[in-house]
PDB file of N, CA and C in Angstrom:
ATOM      1  N   MET A   1     108.739  93.269 107.665  1.00  0.00           N
ATOM      2  CA  MET A   1     109.348  94.218 107.164  1.00  0.00           C
ATOM      3  C   MET A   1     109.565  94.912 105.995  1.00  0.00           C
ATOM      4  N   THR A   2     110.324  93.918 104.916  1.00  0.00           N
ATOM      5  CA  THR A   2     110.039  94.521 104.117  1.00  0.00           C
ATOM      6  C   THR A   2     108.717  94.763 103.583  1.00  0.00           C
ATOM      7  N   LYS A   3     107.848  93.329 103.628  1.00  0.00           N
ATOM      8  CA  LYS A   3     106.630  94.192 103.551  1.00  0.00           C
ATOM      9  C   LYS A   3     106.020  95.398 103.648  1.00  0.00           C
ATOM     10  N   TRP A   4     105.778  95.826 104.748  1.00  0.00           N
ATOM     11  CA  TRP A   4     105.795  97.376 104.681  1.00  0.00           C
ATOM     12  C   TRP A   4     106.517  98.651 104.072  1.00  0.00           C
ATOM     13  N   ILE A   5     107.621  97.980 104.182  1.00  0.00           N
ATOM     14  CA  ILE A   5     108.174  99.149 103.611  1.00  0.00           C
ATOM     15  C   ILE A   5     107.919  99.008 101.907  1.00  0.00           C
ATOM     16  N   ILE A   6     107.735  98.069 101.368  1.00  0.00           N
ATOM     17  CA  ILE A   6     107.081  97.643 100.047  1.00  0.00           C
ATOM     18  C   ILE A   6     105.475  98.208  99.389  1.00  0.00           C
ATOM     19  N   ARG A   7     104.821  98.447 100.593  1.00  0.00           N
ATOM     20  CA  ARG A   7     103.227  98.631 100.487  1.00  0.00           C
ATOM     21  C   ARG A   7     103.518  99.599 101.050  1.00  0.00           C
ATOM     22  N   ILE A   8     104.155 100.802 101.261  1.00  0.00           N
ATOM     23  CA  ILE A   8     104.126 102.288 102.115  1.00  0.00           C
ATOM     24  C   ILE A   8     104.737 102.726 100.613  1.00  0.00           C
ATOM     25  N   LEU A   9     105.936 102.311 100.390  1.00  0.00           N
ATOM     26  CA  LEU A   9     106.077 102.963  98.826  1.00  0.00           C
ATOM     27  C   LEU A   9     105.434 103.144  97.408  1.00  0.00           C
ATOM     28  N   PHE A  10     104.475 101.968  97.846  1.00  0.00           N
ATOM     29  CA  PHE A  10     103.557 101.498  96.309  1.00  0.00           C
ATOM     30  C   PHE A  10     102.644 102.782  96.752  1.00  0.00           C
ATOM     31  N   ILE A  11     101.954 103.361  97.984  1.00  0.00           N
ATOM     32  CA  ILE A  11     100.999 104.364  98.277  1.00  0.00           C
ATOM     33  C   ILE A  11     101.944 105.129  97.642  1.00  0.00           C
ATOM     34  N   ALA A  12     102.781 105.782  98.377  1.00  0.00           N
ATOM     35  CA  ALA A  12     103.639 106.677  97.999  1.00  0.00           C
ATOM     36  C   ALA A  12     103.456 106.787  96.225  1.00  0.00           C
ATOM     37  N   ILE A  13     103.937 106.427  95.822  1.00  0.00           N
ATOM     38  CA  ILE A  13     103.868 106.035  94.197  1.00  0.00           C
ATOM     39  C   ILE A  13     103.078 106.486  93.706  1.00  0.00           C
ATOM     40  N   ILE A  14     101.374 105.710  93.955  1.00  0.00           N
ATOM     41  CA  ILE A  14     100.300 105.772  93.957  1.00  0.00           C
ATOM     42  C   ILE A  14     100.020 107.424  94.138  1.00  0.00           C
ATOM     43  N   ALA A  15     100.236 107.673  94.770  1.00  0.00           N
ATOM     44  CA  ALA A  15      99.982 109.702  96.017  1.00  0.00           C
ATOM     45  C   ALA A  15     100.162 110.416  94.860  1.00  0.00           C
ATOM     46  N   GLY A  16     101.793 110.119  94.614  1.00  0.00           N
ATOM     47  CA  GLY A  16     102.833 111.210  94.075  1.00  0.00           C
ATOM     48  C   GLY A  16     102.048 110.728  92.401  1.00  0.00           C
ATOM     49  N   VAL A  17     101.611 109.420  91.736  1.00  0.00           N
ATOM     50  CA  VAL A  17     101.054 110.375  90.596  1.00  0.00           C
ATOM     51  C   VAL A  17      99.930 110.263  90.244  1.00  0.00           C
ATOM     52  N   SER A  18      98.981 110.024  91.244  1.00  0.00           N
ATOM     53  CA  SER A  18      97.822 110.894  90.981  1.00  0.00           C
ATOM     54  C   SER A  18      97.738 112.316  91.707  1.00  0.00           C
ATOM     55  N   SER A  19      98.583 112.427  92.601  1.00  0.00           N
ATOM     56  CA  SER A  19      99.159 114.743  92.718  1.00  0.00           C
ATOM     57  C   SER A  19      99.433 115.265  91.429  1.00  0.00           C
ATOM     58  N   GLY A  20     100.179 114.853  90.811  1.00  0.00           N
ATOM     59  CA  GLY A  20     101.193 114.977  89.440  1.00  0.00           C
ATOM     60  C   GLY A  20     100.035 114.921  88.844  1.00  0.00           C
ATOM     61  N   PHE A  21      98.883 113.950  88.329  1.00  0.00           N
ATOM     62  CA  PHE A  21      97.976 114.351  87.365  1.00  0.00           C
ATOM     63  C   PHE A  21      97.009 114.958  87.542  1.00  0.00           C
ATOM     64  N   TYR A  22      96.977 115.392  88.919  1.00  0.00           N
ATOM     65  CA  TYR A  22      95.476 116.930  90.177  1.00  0.00           C
ATOM     66  C   TYR A  22      97.027 117.382  89.711  1.00  0.00           C
ATOM     67  N   ILE A  23      98.076 118.005  89.989  1.00  0.00           N
ATOM     68  CA  ILE A  23      98.610 119.093  89.415  1.00  0.00           C
ATOM     69  C   ILE A  23      98.492 119.539  87.890  1.00  0.00           C
ATOM     70  N   LYS A  24      99.067 118.764  87.198  1.00  0.00           N
ATOM     71  CA  LYS A  24      99.233 119.012  86.147  1.00  0.00           C
ATOM     72  C   LYS A  24      97.170 119.206  84.780  1.00  0.00           C
ATOM     73  N   ASN A  25      96.785 118.799  85.604  1.00  0.00           N
ATOM     74  CA  ASN A  25      95.263 119.510  84.659  1.00  0.00           C
ATOM     75  C   ASN A  25      94.987 120.916  85.948  1.00  0.00           C
ATOM     76  N   THR A  26      95.447 121.151  86.767  1.00  0.00           N
ATOM     77  CA  THR A  26      94.715 122.371  86.877  1.00  0.00           C
ATOM     78  C   THR A  26      95.792 123.393  87.292  1.00  0.00           C
ATOM     79  N   THR A  27      97.355 123.363  87.985  1.00  0.00           N
ATOM     80  CA  THR A  27      97.925 124.830  87.749  1.00  0.00           C
ATOM     81  C   THR A  27      98.991 124.505  86.869  1.00  0.00           C
ATOM     82  N   ASP A  28     100.361 124.220  86.921  1.00  0.00           N
ATOM     83  CA  ASP A  28     101.184 124.054  86.865  1.00  0.00           C
ATOM     84  C   ASP A  28     101.839 122.341  85.788  1.00  0.00           C
ATOM     85  N   THR A  29     101.653 122.302  84.189  1.00  0.00           N
ATOM     86  CA  THR A  29     102.104 121.812  83.934  1.00  0.00           C
ATOM     87  C   THR A  29     103.220 121.102  84.228  1.00  0.00           C
ATOM     88  N   ALA A  30     104.397 122.109  84.003  1.00  0.00           N
ATOM     89  CA  ALA A  30     106.104 121.082  84.201  1.00  0.00           C
ATOM     90  C   ALA A  30     106.260 120.620  85.601  1.00  0.00           C
ATOM     91  N   LEU A  31     105.424 121.015  86.746  1.00  0.00           N
ATOM     92  CA  LEU A  31     105.487 120.480  88.432  1.00  0.00           C
ATOM     93  C   LEU A  31     104.852 119.591  88.001  1.00  0.00           C
ATOM     94  N   GLY A  32     103.742 119.071  87.480  1.00  0.00           N
ATOM     95  CA  GLY A  32     103.104 117.992  87.331  1.00  0.00           C
ATOM     96  C   GLY A  32     103.923 116.946  86.835  1.00  0.00           C
ATOM     97  N   ASP A  33     104.478 117.022  85.554  1.00  0.00           N
ATOM     98  CA  ASP A  33     105.319 115.694  85.106  1.00  0.00           C
ATOM     99  C   ASP A  33     106.371 116.026  85.957  1.00  0.00           C
ATOM    100  N   LYS A  34     107.212 116.420  86.639  1.00  0.00           N
ATOM    101  CA  LYS A  34     108.245 116.602  87.734  1.00  0.00           C
ATOM    102  C   LYS A  34     107.790 114.984  88.421  1.00  0.00           C
ATOM    103  N   PHE A  35     106.317 115.400  88.914  1.00  0.00           N
ATOM    104  CA  PHE A  35     105.774 114.233  90.384  1.00  0.00           C
ATOM    105  C   PHE A  35     105.828 113.207  89.874  1.00  0.00           C
ATOM    106  N   ILE A  36     104.937 113.450  87.943  1.00  0.00           N
ATOM    107  CA  ILE A  36     105.060 111.808  87.497  1.00  0.00           C
ATOM    108  C   ILE A  36     105.819 111.186  87.697  1.00  0.00           C
ATOM    109  N   GLY A  37     107.263 111.995  86.662  1.00  0.00           N
ATOM    110  CA  GLY A  37     108.487 111.547  87.075  1.00  0.00           C
ATOM    111  C   GLY A  37     109.291 111.116  87.810  1.00  0.00           C
ATOM    112  N   VAL A  38     109.391 111.475  89.040  1.00  0.00           N
ATOM    113  CA  VAL A  38     110.054 110.770  90.027  1.00  0.00           C
ATOM    114  C   VAL A  38     109.134 109.594  90.603  1.00  0.00           C
ATOM    115  N   SER A  39     107.824 109.771  90.434  1.00  0.00           N
ATOM    116  CA  SER A  39     107.372 108.959  91.001  1.00  0.00           C
ATOM    117  C   SER A  39     107.821 107.433  90.067  1.00  0.00           C
ATOM    118  N   ILE A  40     107.907 107.435  88.610  1.00  0.00           N
ATOM    119  CA  ILE A  40     107.786 106.309  87.956  1.00  0.00           C
ATOM    120  C   ILE A  40     109.323 105.547  88.069  1.00  0.00           C
ATOM    121  N   LEU A  41     110.066 107.844  88.474  1.00  0.00           N
ATOM    122  CA  LEU A  41     111.809 106.868  88.875  1.00  0.00           C
ATOM    123  C   LEU A  41     111.802 105.867  89.546  1.00  0.00           C
ATOM    124  N   THR A  42     111.378 106.320  90.901  1.00  0.00           N
ATOM    125  CA  THR A  42     111.346 105.857  91.733  1.00  0.00           C
ATOM    126  C   THR A  42     109.974 104.367  92.618  1.00  0.00           C
ATOM    127  N   ALA A  43     109.505 104.456  91.177  1.00  0.00           N
ATOM    128  CA  ALA A  43     108.821 103.027  90.981  1.00  0.00           C
ATOM    129  C   ALA A  43     110.084 101.946  90.800  1.00  0.00           C
ATOM    130  N   ALA A  44     110.105 102.337  89.490  1.00  0.00           N
ATOM    131  CA  ALA A  44     111.606 101.327  88.336  1.00  0.00           C
ATOM    132  C   ALA A  44     112.916 101.395  89.552  1.00  0.00           C
ATOM    133  N   PHE A  45     113.303 102.098  89.951  1.00  0.00           N
ATOM    134  CA  PHE A  45     114.654 101.672  90.378  1.00  0.00           C
ATOM    135  C   PHE A  45     114.931 101.678  92.013  1.00  0.00           C
ATOM    136  N   VAL A  46     113.917 101.685  92.978  1.00  0.00           N
ATOM    137  CA  VAL A  46     113.861 101.802  94.559  1.00  0.00           C
ATOM    138  C   VAL A  46     113.178 100.763  94.479  1.00  0.00           C
ATOM    139  N   LEU A  47     111.390 100.438  94.374  1.00  0.00           N
ATOM    140  CA  LEU A  47     110.834  99.853  94.921  1.00  0.00           C
ATOM    141  C   LEU A  47     110.567  98.455  93.794  1.00  0.00           C
ATOM    142  N   MET A  48     110.795  98.159  92.776  1.00  0.00           N
ATOM    143  CA  MET A  48     111.632  97.234  91.691  1.00  0.00           C
ATOM    144  C   MET A  48     112.493  95.979  92.361  1.00  0.00           C
ATOM    145  N   PRO A  49     113.333  96.530  92.657  1.00  0.00           N
ATOM    146  CA  PRO A  49     114.947  96.174  92.965  1.00  0.00           C
ATOM    147  C   PRO A  49     114.263  95.612  94.552  1.00  0.00           C
ATOM    148  N   ILE A  50     113.259  95.738  95.651  1.00  0.00           N
ATOM    149  CA  ILE A  50     113.083  95.906  96.718  1.00  0.00           C
ATOM    150  C   ILE A  50     112.236  94.456  96.504  1.00  0.00           C
ATOM    151  N   PHE A  51     110.993  94.834  95.211  1.00  0.00           N
ATOM    152  CA  PHE A  51     109.554  93.709  95.551  1.00  0.00           C
ATOM    153  C   PHE A  51     111.041  92.485  95.253  1.00  0.00           C
ATOM    154  N   ILE A  52     111.559  92.780  93.961  1.00  0.00           N
ATOM    155  CA  ILE A  52     111.852  91.319  92.942  1.00  0.00           C
ATOM    156  C   ILE A  52     113.118  90.632  94.477  1.00  0.00           C
ATOM    157  N   TYR A  53     114.053  91.393  95.853  1.00  0.00           N
ATOM    158  CA  TYR A  53     114.732  90.697  96.404  1.00  0.00           C
ATOM    159  C   TYR A  53     113.721  90.131  97.454  1.00  0.00           C
ATOM    160  N   TYR A  54     112.673  90.140  97.207  1.00  0.00           N
ATOM    161  CA  TYR A  54     111.898  89.855  98.933  1.00  0.00           C
ATOM    162  C   TYR A  54     110.940  88.899  97.905  1.00  0.00           C
ATOM    163  N   ARG A  55     110.456  88.824  96.974  1.00  0.00           N
ATOM    164  CA  ARG A  55     109.958  87.457  96.262  1.00  0.00           C
ATOM    165  C   ARG A  55     110.839  86.140  95.954  1.00  0.00           C
ATOM    166  N   TRP A  56     112.186  86.916  95.736  1.00  0.00           N
ATOM    167  CA  TRP A  56     113.487  85.208  95.435  1.00  0.00           C
ATOM    168  C   TRP A  56     113.872  85.222  96.447  1.00  0.00           C
ATOM    169  N   LYS A  57     114.115  85.588  97.371  1.00  0.00           N
ATOM    170  CA  LYS A  57     114.926  85.746  98.642  1.00  0.00           C
ATOM    171  C   LYS A  57     114.289  84.015  99.461  1.00  0.00           C
ATOM    172  N   GLY A  58     115.522  83.248  99.608  1.00  0.00           N
ATOM    173  CA  GLY A  58     114.717  81.770  99.999  1.00  0.00           C
ATOM    174  C   GLY A  58     114.878  81.138  99.052  1.00  0.00           C
ATOM    175  N   LYS A  59     115.063  81.220  98.306  1.00  0.00           N
ATOM    176  CA  LYS A  59     114.655  80.593  97.210  1.00  0.00           C
ATOM    177  C   LYS A  59     115.609  79.596  96.446  1.00  0.00           C
ATOM    178  N   ASP A  60     115.689  78.812  95.379  1.00  0.00           N
ATOM    179  CA  ASP A  60     116.271  78.443  94.555  1.00  0.00           C
ATOM    180  C   ASP A  60     116.478  78.333  93.240  1.00  0.00           C
ATOM    181  N   ILE A  61     117.354  79.236  93.126  1.00  0.00           N
ATOM    182  CA  ILE A  61     117.455  79.592  91.317  1.00  0.00           C
ATOM    183  C   ILE A  61     117.952  78.084  90.187  1.00  0.00           C
ATOM    184  N   ARG A  62     118.358  77.558  90.971  1.00  0.00           N
ATOM    185  CA  ARG A  62     118.578  76.084  90.423  1.00  0.00           C
ATOM    186  C   ARG A  62     117.099  75.449  90.217  1.00  0.00           C
ATOM    187  N   LYS A  63     116.482  75.543  90.389  1.00  0.00           N
ATOM    188  CA  LYS A  63     115.061  74.899  89.768  1.00  0.00           C
ATOM    189  C   LYS A  63     114.902  76.131  88.820  1.00  0.00           C
ATOM    190  N   TYR A  64     114.973  76.558  88.244  1.00  0.00           N
ATOM    191  CA  TYR A  64     114.412  77.517  87.448  1.00  0.00           C
ATOM    192  C   TYR A  64     115.146  77.920  86.295  1.00  0.00           C
ATOM    193  N   MET A  65     116.514  76.902  86.523  1.00  0.00           N
ATOM    194  CA  MET A  65     117.456  77.618  84.945  1.00  0.00           C
ATOM    195  C   MET A  65     117.298  76.056  84.381  1.00  0.00           C
ATOM    196  N   LEU A  66     117.826  76.571  83.072  1.00  0.00           N
ATOM    197  CA  LEU A  66     117.833  75.078  82.047  1.00  0.00           C
ATOM    198  C   LEU A  66     119.014  74.519  82.368  1.00  0.00           C
ATOM    199  N   THR A  67     119.044  72.990  82.744  1.00  0.00           N
ATOM    200  CA  THR A  67     120.386  72.454  82.590  1.00  0.00           C
ATOM    201  C   THR A  67     120.220  71.091  81.740  1.00  0.00           C
ATOM    202  N   LYS A  68     121.021  70.278  81.110  1.00  0.00           N
ATOM    203  CA  LYS A  68     120.339  69.090  81.625  1.00  0.00           C
ATOM    204  C   LYS A  68     119.991  68.531  82.391  1.00  0.00           C
ATOM    205  N   GLU A  69     119.474  68.329  83.521  1.00  0.00           N
ATOM    206  CA  GLU A  69     118.677  67.835  84.456  1.00  0.00           C
ATOM    207  C   GLU A  69     116.765  67.638  84.557  1.00  0.00           C
ATOM    208  N   ASN A  70     117.029  69.104  83.447  1.00  0.00           N
ATOM    209  CA  ASN A  70     115.840  69.200  83.426  1.00  0.00           C
ATOM    210  C   ASN A  70     115.093  69.362  81.725  1.00  0.00           C
TER     211      ASN A  70
END
């Protein structure tokens, strides 16, 4: 389920950035910048935490920490 949410969000972000550049080059510069900005903010604050949680779920963090045993 989480994998599909990540994929859908990624495609939506790519579509938002692409449409933002298209709008910026054809009609309204300010509206295109808003599309691009919202898409990048969504990628940074929504997509990345979900992706990091999905990749690190169920892993032992102690394997990756620098301790005396390692």
